[in-house]
Amino acid sequence: TVYAPWKLRRVGGMKFDPSNPPYIPGGFPTLDRRTVSMAATHCLPPAPLGEGGCAREPHYNVHNLYGLSEAIATRKAVDKIIGSRSLIIARSTYPGSGQVSGAWLGDTASSWGDLRLSVAGTLSMGILGVPMVGADICGFAGNTTRELCVRWHQLGSLYPFSRNHNELYGVPQEPYAFDAEALAIIRRALLTRYSLVSYLYSLAHQAHADGTPIWRPLLMEFGGELGEVA
């Protein structure tokens, strides 16, 4: 559907408020909370249409392209400055942005629920073209616990992008912040990752070559067998 939000109308004559569409994710009061008004317009060259010799596109239609545009610009700048391979980790992404950057899953909560969701998030991002991705090990928002952080290191050591990341005022969650037993378990998990570096590197190269995710749902590897079981 082609929208013209700056006129508060949708093609076909139906009124449409871009800041208050039928569905607003996250329970926010309006869609433009903490961002540009959805009714704002952007001048998109080179099409010689609309005012100012360019196409007028509503922010509603291009908001999610910001992360991709920033990643592309950053990749070009870093490649020019460094002249060799580098790793860029972005927060805002778009399908296919894995061509130029990796990502992390945002401010995950220090909870068992978010640990579980990180599996689905990592798999989903890989399918959407962002293979180098992972969640904040131990969680970011709120305070972690010893058991949660240990278990999260065991899972997170296998994320494509593996990083322990914490908010400024959260309780310490570095491995050395826990007792000797917990530290030993975390160390074993991290050493397991190091033992798989060659394998992970090969998976990363395959992702670069043909887009195959590093983390893959079972249906990609064992589709026929899963079908027989179902």
Protein backbone atom coordinates (compact mmCIF):
# COMPACT_ATOMS: atom_id res chain seq x y z
CA THR A 1 0.00 0.00 0.00
CA VAL A 2 1.27 3.47 -0.88
CA TYR A 3 0.86 5.93 1.99
CA ALA A 4 0.76 9.70 1.98
CA PRO A 5 0.92 10.33 5.75
CA TRP A 6 1.77 14.02 5.46
CA LYS A 7 -1.79 14.47 4.15
CA LEU A 8 -3.17 12.09 6.79
CA ARG A 9 -4.77 10.11 4.03
CA ARG A 10 -4.17 6.73 2.50
CA VAL A 11 -4.52 6.03 -1.19
CA GLY A 12 -8.15 5.05 -1.58
CA GLY A 13 -9.48 7.91 0.51
CA MET A 14 -9.18 6.34 3.98
CA LYS A 15 -7.79 8.64 6.67
CA PHE A 16 -4.47 7.54 8.09
CA ASP A 17 -2.50 9.07 10.95
CA PRO A 18 1.10 7.86 10.62
CA SER A 19 1.80 8.41 14.32
CA ASN A 20 -1.21 6.34 15.32
CA PRO A 21 -1.44 3.37 12.95
CA PRO A 22 -3.66 0.40 13.80
CA TYR A 23 -0.73 -1.41 15.47
CA ILE A 24 1.95 0.25 17.62
CA PRO A 25 4.69 -2.11 18.92
CA GLY A 26 6.01 -1.96 22.43
CA GLY A 27 2.94 -0.41 24.00
CA PHE A 28 4.08 3.15 23.25
CA PRO A 29 1.38 5.83 23.09
CA THR A 30 2.39 6.94 19.57
CA LEU A 31 4.67 5.56 16.90
CA ASP A 32 6.85 8.69 16.82
CA ARG A 33 7.90 8.50 20.47
CA ARG A 34 11.60 9.40 20.74
CA THR A 35 11.99 9.88 17.01
CA VAL A 36 11.07 12.13 14.11
CA SER A 37 7.40 12.70 13.40
CA MET A 38 6.05 9.99 11.16
CA ALA A 39 4.40 12.76 9.11
CA ALA A 40 7.74 14.43 8.33
CA THR A 41 8.92 14.09 4.76
CA HIS A 42 12.32 13.36 3.28
CA CYS A 43 13.75 14.46 -0.02
CA LEU A 44 15.01 11.39 -1.80
CA PRO A 45 17.13 12.09 -4.89
CA PRO A 46 17.64 11.54 -7.71
CA ALA A 47 13.99 11.24 -8.76
CA PRO A 48 12.96 14.72 -10.08
CA LEU A 49 9.54 14.61 -8.46
CA GLY A 50 7.67 16.73 -5.95
CA GLU A 51 8.99 19.85 -4.27
CA GLY A 52 12.63 20.80 -4.61
CA GLY A 53 13.32 18.47 -7.51
CA CYS A 54 13.19 15.24 -5.52
CA ALA A 55 10.76 12.59 -4.36
CA ARG A 56 8.95 13.43 -1.11
CA GLU A 57 8.87 10.34 1.06
CA PRO A 58 7.18 10.18 4.50
CA HIS A 59 9.28 9.24 7.48
CA TYR A 60 6.77 6.47 8.12
CA ASN A 61 8.11 4.67 5.05
CA VAL A 62 11.84 5.17 5.60
CA HIS A 63 12.40 5.13 9.37
CA ASN A 64 13.69 1.54 9.42
CA LEU A 65 16.19 2.32 6.67
CA TYR A 66 18.19 4.63 8.93
CA GLY A 67 20.16 1.81 10.55
CA LEU A 68 21.03 0.28 7.19
CA SER A 69 22.06 3.67 5.75
CA GLU A 70 24.28 4.40 8.75
CA ALA A 71 25.90 0.97 8.55
CA ILE A 72 26.67 1.39 4.84
CA ALA A 73 28.21 4.83 5.44
CA THR A 74 30.23 3.55 8.40
CA ARG A 75 31.49 0.56 6.40
CA LYS A 76 32.67 2.80 3.56
CA ALA A 77 34.45 5.15 5.97
CA VAL A 78 36.11 2.39 8.02
CA ASP A 79 37.29 0.53 4.93
CA LYS A 80 38.78 3.73 3.55
CA ILE A 81 40.52 4.63 6.81
CA ILE A 82 41.73 1.20 7.90
CA GLY A 83 42.14 -0.46 4.54
CA SER A 84 41.64 -3.95 5.95
CA ARG A 85 38.87 -6.10 7.37
CA SER A 86 37.07 -4.76 10.41
CA LEU A 87 34.08 -5.55 12.58
CA ILE A 88 31.20 -3.10 12.88
CA ILE A 89 28.46 -3.87 15.40
CA ALA A 90 25.25 -1.89 14.92
CA ARG A 91 22.18 -1.57 17.08
CA SER A 92 19.72 -0.45 14.43
CA THR A 93 19.50 -2.87 11.51
CA TYR A 94 17.41 -3.86 8.51
CA PRO A 95 17.11 -7.10 6.52
CA GLY A 96 20.37 -7.59 4.66
CA SER A 97 22.45 -5.17 6.71
CA GLY A 98 24.69 -8.08 7.63
CA GLN A 99 26.51 -7.39 4.36
CA VAL A 100 28.20 -4.44 6.03
CA SER A 101 27.83 -4.91 9.79
CA GLY A 102 26.95 -7.21 12.64
CA ALA A 103 24.46 -6.47 15.39
CA TRP A 104 23.46 -7.17 18.94
CA LEU A 105 19.92 -7.80 20.16
CA GLY A 106 19.56 -4.58 22.12
CA ASP A 107 18.97 -4.09 25.83
CA THR A 108 17.98 -7.58 26.89
CA ALA A 109 16.78 -7.95 30.47
CA SER A 110 18.74 -10.00 32.97
CA SER A 111 16.07 -12.69 33.09
CA TRP A 112 15.58 -16.32 32.17
CA GLY A 113 12.88 -15.26 29.74
CA ASP A 114 15.24 -13.04 27.76
CA LEU A 115 17.93 -15.70 27.80
CA ARG A 116 15.44 -18.01 26.09
CA LEU A 117 14.29 -15.32 23.65
CA SER A 118 17.89 -14.65 22.65
CA VAL A 119 17.95 -18.01 20.87
CA ALA A 120 14.97 -17.09 18.69
CA GLY A 121 16.37 -13.59 18.18
CA THR A 122 19.76 -14.84 17.00
CA LEU A 123 18.18 -17.39 14.65
CA SER A 124 15.73 -14.83 13.26
CA MET A 125 18.41 -12.22 12.61
CA GLY A 126 20.48 -14.78 10.72
CA ILE A 127 17.55 -15.64 8.46
CA LEU A 128 16.99 -11.91 7.86
CA GLY A 129 20.52 -11.43 6.60
CA VAL A 130 22.39 -10.46 9.78
CA PRO A 131 24.49 -13.52 10.65
CA MET A 132 26.99 -11.87 13.02
CA VAL A 133 24.68 -11.31 15.98
CA GLY A 134 24.26 -12.13 19.65
CA ALA A 135 22.62 -10.99 22.87
CA ASP A 136 24.22 -9.32 25.89
CA ILE A 137 25.51 -12.24 27.93
CA CYS A 138 24.02 -12.16 31.46
CA GLY A 139 21.52 -9.57 30.24
CA PHE A 140 21.87 -5.80 30.12
CA ALA A 141 18.91 -4.27 31.98
CA GLY A 142 18.54 -5.10 35.65
CA ASN A 143 20.72 -7.21 37.90
CA THR A 144 21.81 -10.70 36.95
CA THR A 145 22.31 -13.64 39.32
CA ARG A 146 25.11 -16.13 39.65
CA GLU A 147 23.19 -19.02 38.10
CA LEU A 148 21.72 -16.91 35.31
CA CYS A 149 25.10 -15.46 34.37
CA VAL A 150 26.80 -18.86 34.40
CA ARG A 151 24.11 -20.41 32.20
CA TRP A 152 24.12 -17.39 29.89
CA HIS A 153 27.87 -17.71 29.38
CA GLN A 154 27.38 -21.36 28.47
CA LEU A 155 24.83 -20.36 25.83
CA GLY A 156 26.46 -17.08 24.79
CA SER A 157 29.85 -18.68 24.21
CA LEU A 158 28.24 -20.11 21.06
CA TYR A 159 26.62 -16.90 19.82
CA PRO A 160 28.13 -15.71 16.51
CA PHE A 161 28.83 -12.41 18.30
CA SER A 162 29.66 -13.25 21.91
CA ARG A 163 29.89 -10.42 24.44
CA ASN A 164 29.17 -9.87 28.12
CA HIS A 165 27.58 -6.41 28.31
CA ASN A 166 26.08 -4.63 31.32
CA GLU A 167 24.36 -1.35 32.12
CA LEU A 168 26.32 1.25 34.08
CA TYR A 169 24.64 0.76 37.45
CA GLY A 170 23.99 -2.98 37.30
CA VAL A 171 25.73 -5.40 39.62
CA PRO A 172 29.11 -6.60 38.32
CA GLN A 173 28.75 -9.56 35.97
CA GLU A 174 32.27 -10.15 34.72
CA PRO A 175 33.28 -13.81 35.21
CA TYR A 176 35.75 -12.84 37.92
CA ALA A 177 32.95 -11.18 39.90
CA PHE A 178 31.68 -14.61 40.96
CA ASP A 179 33.04 -17.41 43.12
CA ALA A 180 35.71 -19.87 42.03
CA GLU A 181 33.24 -22.56 40.98
CA ALA A 182 31.25 -20.18 38.77
CA LEU A 183 34.46 -18.77 37.29
CA ALA A 184 35.68 -22.27 36.42
CA ILE A 185 32.40 -23.12 34.65
CA ILE A 186 32.48 -19.88 32.66
CA ARG A 187 36.12 -20.42 31.76
CA ARG A 188 35.30 -23.89 30.39
CA ALA A 189 32.51 -22.39 28.26
CA LEU A 190 34.82 -19.71 26.84
CA LEU A 191 37.58 -22.23 26.16
CA THR A 192 35.03 -24.33 24.29
CA ARG A 193 34.40 -21.32 22.06
CA TYR A 194 38.10 -20.91 21.42
CA SER A 195 38.31 -24.59 20.48
CA LEU A 196 35.61 -23.95 17.85
CA VAL A 197 37.17 -20.81 16.35
CA SER A 198 38.17 -22.54 13.09
CA TYR A 199 34.66 -23.96 12.69
CA LEU A 200 33.01 -20.63 13.50
CA TYR A 201 35.36 -18.88 11.07
CA SER A 202 34.32 -21.31 8.33
CA LEU A 203 30.64 -20.66 9.07
CA ALA A 204 31.29 -16.92 8.95
CA HIS A 205 33.00 -17.28 5.58
CA GLN A 206 30.04 -19.26 4.25
CA ALA A 207 27.70 -16.54 5.49
CA HIS A 208 29.81 -14.00 3.64
CA ALA A 209 29.89 -16.09 0.45
CA ASP A 210 26.26 -17.15 0.10
CA GLY A 211 24.26 -15.69 3.00
CA THR A 212 23.81 -18.93 4.93
CA PRO A 213 23.30 -18.00 8.61
CA ILE A 214 25.95 -18.92 11.16
CA TRP A 215 23.21 -20.01 13.58
CA ARG A 216 20.63 -22.08 11.71
CA PRO A 217 17.25 -23.46 12.73
CA LEU A 218 17.02 -27.24 12.65
CA LEU A 219 14.74 -27.13 9.61
CA MET A 220 17.64 -25.75 7.55
CA GLU A 221 19.95 -28.64 8.44
CA PHE A 222 17.53 -31.51 8.97
CA GLY A 223 14.38 -30.45 7.13
CA GLY A 224 13.61 -33.86 5.72
CA GLU A 225 14.09 -35.65 9.00
CA LEU A 226 11.95 -33.13 10.87
CA GLY A 227 9.23 -33.61 8.26
CA GLU A 228 9.28 -37.34 8.78
CA VAL A 229 9.06 -36.90 12.56
CA ALA A 230 6.15 -34.44 12.20
